[in-house]
Amino acid sequence: MTAPRLLLVRLRRGVVGESRRVVHIVAFPDGEEIPESLTAYCGELILRGTAEALTKPCGMPCTLCLWRAPLPPPPSELPAGA
C-alpha cells in the first residue's frame, strides 16, 4: 500500500482570524489538478483558494491533524536511497 502524499496548508490571512491560522495536514489526491476542496485530518474542510501550501513546517500546527495523520513507514520499509 502506498502512503498518501501529505501537504501542509494554512488558511490565508483574512479567511479566518490569526489565532485560527494553524497548519493543517491534508492528504493530496493523485494527479496534478487541485480539487475544489480538501479535508484536513482534523476534519476541517479547506476550499480551493482559501489556503496556502507550505514548503516546510512553520507556524502553529493543528494538534488534531498531528494526532490523526499517518506516521511515516519505518526505515526498513523505505525505498533504497530514500
C-alpha atoms as a PDB file:
ATOM      1  CA  MET A   1       0.000   0.000   0.000  1.00  0.00           C
ATOM      2  CA  THR A   2       1.321   3.445  -0.942  1.00  0.00           C
ATOM      3  CA  ALA A   3       1.348   6.136   1.725  1.00  0.00           C
ATOM      4  CA  PRO A   4      -0.748   9.201   0.893  1.00  0.00           C
ATOM      5  CA  ARG A   5       1.024  12.317  -0.321  1.00  0.00           C
ATOM      6  CA  LEU A   6       0.735  14.761   2.577  1.00  0.00           C
ATOM      7  CA  LEU A   7       0.559  18.517   2.223  1.00  0.00           C
ATOM      8  CA  LEU A   8       0.880  21.227   4.882  1.00  0.00           C
ATOM      9  CA  VAL A   9      -1.639  24.031   4.406  1.00  0.00           C
ATOM     10  CA  ARG A  10      -2.634  27.143   6.333  1.00  0.00           C
ATOM     11  CA  LEU A  11      -5.713  29.259   5.757  1.00  0.00           C
ATOM     12  CA  ARG A  12      -4.883  32.634   4.202  1.00  0.00           C
ATOM     13  CA  ARG A  13      -4.950  35.909   6.111  1.00  0.00           C
ATOM     14  CA  GLY A  14      -8.463  37.318   6.138  1.00  0.00           C
ATOM     15  CA  VAL A  15     -10.158  33.929   5.724  1.00  0.00           C
ATOM     16  CA  VAL A  16     -10.055  33.339   9.482  1.00  0.00           C
ATOM     17  CA  GLY A  17      -8.653  35.234  12.460  1.00  0.00           C
ATOM     18  CA  GLU A  18      -4.923  34.947  13.190  1.00  0.00           C
ATOM     19  CA  SER A  19      -5.469  32.585  16.128  1.00  0.00           C
ATOM     20  CA  ARG A  20      -7.173  30.070  13.780  1.00  0.00           C
ATOM     21  CA  ARG A  21      -4.429  30.130  11.130  1.00  0.00           C
ATOM     22  CA  VAL A  22      -2.923  26.837  12.189  1.00  0.00           C
ATOM     23  CA  VAL A  23      -1.043  24.474   9.904  1.00  0.00           C
ATOM     24  CA  HIS A  24      -3.252  21.581   8.807  1.00  0.00           C
ATOM     25  CA  ILE A  25      -2.209  18.290   7.242  1.00  0.00           C
ATOM     26  CA  VAL A  26      -4.164  17.079   4.217  1.00  0.00           C
ATOM     27  CA  ALA A  27      -3.838  14.023   2.010  1.00  0.00           C
ATOM     28  CA  PHE A  28      -3.398  15.313  -1.527  1.00  0.00           C
ATOM     29  CA  PRO A  29      -5.063  13.128  -4.156  1.00  0.00           C
ATOM     30  CA  ASP A  30      -3.127  11.667  -7.071  1.00  0.00           C
ATOM     31  CA  GLY A  31      -2.995  13.844 -10.157  1.00  0.00           C
ATOM     32  CA  GLU A  32      -1.906  17.396 -10.779  1.00  0.00           C
ATOM     33  CA  GLU A  33      -5.235  19.199 -10.606  1.00  0.00           C
ATOM     34  CA  ILE A  34      -6.121  20.900  -7.341  1.00  0.00           C
ATOM     35  CA  PRO A  35      -9.542  19.688  -6.150  1.00  0.00           C
ATOM     36  CA  GLU A  36     -12.371  22.054  -5.174  1.00  0.00           C
ATOM     37  CA  SER A  37     -11.837  21.137  -1.535  1.00  0.00           C
ATOM     38  CA  LEU A  38      -9.544  19.143   0.707  1.00  0.00           C
ATOM     39  CA  THR A  39     -10.337  17.748   4.128  1.00  0.00           C
ATOM     40  CA  ALA A  40      -7.655  18.008   6.783  1.00  0.00           C
ATOM     41  CA  TYR A  41      -7.055  15.082   9.105  1.00  0.00           C
ATOM     42  CA  CYS A  42      -8.807  17.084  11.851  1.00  0.00           C
ATOM     43  CA  GLY A  43     -11.958  17.308   9.707  1.00  0.00           C
ATOM     44  CA  GLU A  44     -11.554  20.952   8.630  1.00  0.00           C
ATOM     45  CA  LEU A  45     -12.882  21.478   5.101  1.00  0.00           C
ATOM     46  CA  ILE A  46     -10.473  23.639   3.115  1.00  0.00           C
ATOM     47  CA  LEU A  47     -11.843  25.181  -0.079  1.00  0.00           C
ATOM     48  CA  ARG A  48      -9.633  25.836  -3.091  1.00  0.00           C
ATOM     49  CA  GLY A  49      -8.178  29.350  -2.970  1.00  0.00           C
ATOM     50  CA  THR A  50      -8.623  29.825   0.785  1.00  0.00           C
ATOM     51  CA  ALA A  51      -5.313  28.294   1.899  1.00  0.00           C
ATOM     52  CA  GLU A  52      -1.625  28.459   1.156  1.00  0.00           C
ATOM     53  CA  ALA A  53       0.552  25.384   0.718  1.00  0.00           C
ATOM     54  CA  LEU A  54       3.675  25.439   2.872  1.00  0.00           C
ATOM     55  CA  THR A  55       7.011  24.129   1.626  1.00  0.00           C
ATOM     56  CA  LYS A  56       8.256  23.402   5.147  1.00  0.00           C
ATOM     57  CA  PRO A  57       6.795  23.170   8.642  1.00  0.00           C
ATOM     58  CA  CYS A  58       6.303  26.635  10.128  1.00  0.00           C
ATOM     59  CA  GLY A  59       3.751  28.229  12.403  1.00  0.00           C
ATOM     60  CA  MET A  60       1.428  26.639  14.932  1.00  0.00           C
ATOM     61  CA  PRO A  61       0.387  23.099  13.969  1.00  0.00           C
ATOM     62  CA  CYS A  62      -3.161  21.800  14.282  1.00  0.00           C
ATOM     63  CA  THR A  63      -2.758  19.301  17.118  1.00  0.00           C
ATOM     64  CA  LEU A  64      -5.686  17.160  15.963  1.00  0.00           C
ATOM     65  CA  CYS A  65      -4.124  16.854  12.486  1.00  0.00           C
ATOM     66  CA  LEU A  66      -0.842  15.791  14.107  1.00  0.00           C
ATOM     67  CA  TRP A  67      -2.688  13.230  16.179  1.00  0.00           C
ATOM     68  CA  ARG A  68      -4.644  11.742  13.256  1.00  0.00           C
ATOM     69  CA  ALA A  69      -2.154  11.968  10.366  1.00  0.00           C
ATOM     70  CA  PRO A  70      -0.493   8.685   9.378  1.00  0.00           C
ATOM     71  CA  LEU A  71       3.036   8.061  10.592  1.00  0.00           C
ATOM     72  CA  PRO A  72       5.786   7.561   8.027  1.00  0.00           C
ATOM     73  CA  PRO A  73       6.814   3.977   7.320  1.00  0.00           C
ATOM     74  CA  PRO A  74       9.632   2.522   9.424  1.00  0.00           C
ATOM     75  CA  PRO A  75      13.110   2.870   7.865  1.00  0.00           C
ATOM     76  CA  SER A  76      13.141  -0.817   6.943  1.00  0.00           C
ATOM     77  CA  GLU A  77      10.181  -0.211   4.583  1.00  0.00           C
ATOM     78  CA  LEU A  78      11.573   2.882   2.842  1.00  0.00           C
ATOM     79  CA  PRO A  79      12.801   2.521  -0.746  1.00  0.00           C
ATOM     80  CA  ALA A  80      16.559   2.290  -1.258  1.00  0.00           C
ATOM     81  CA  GLY A  81      18.207   5.711  -1.294  1.00  0.00           C
ATOM     82  CA  ALA A  82      15.339   7.467   0.489  1.00  0.00           C
END
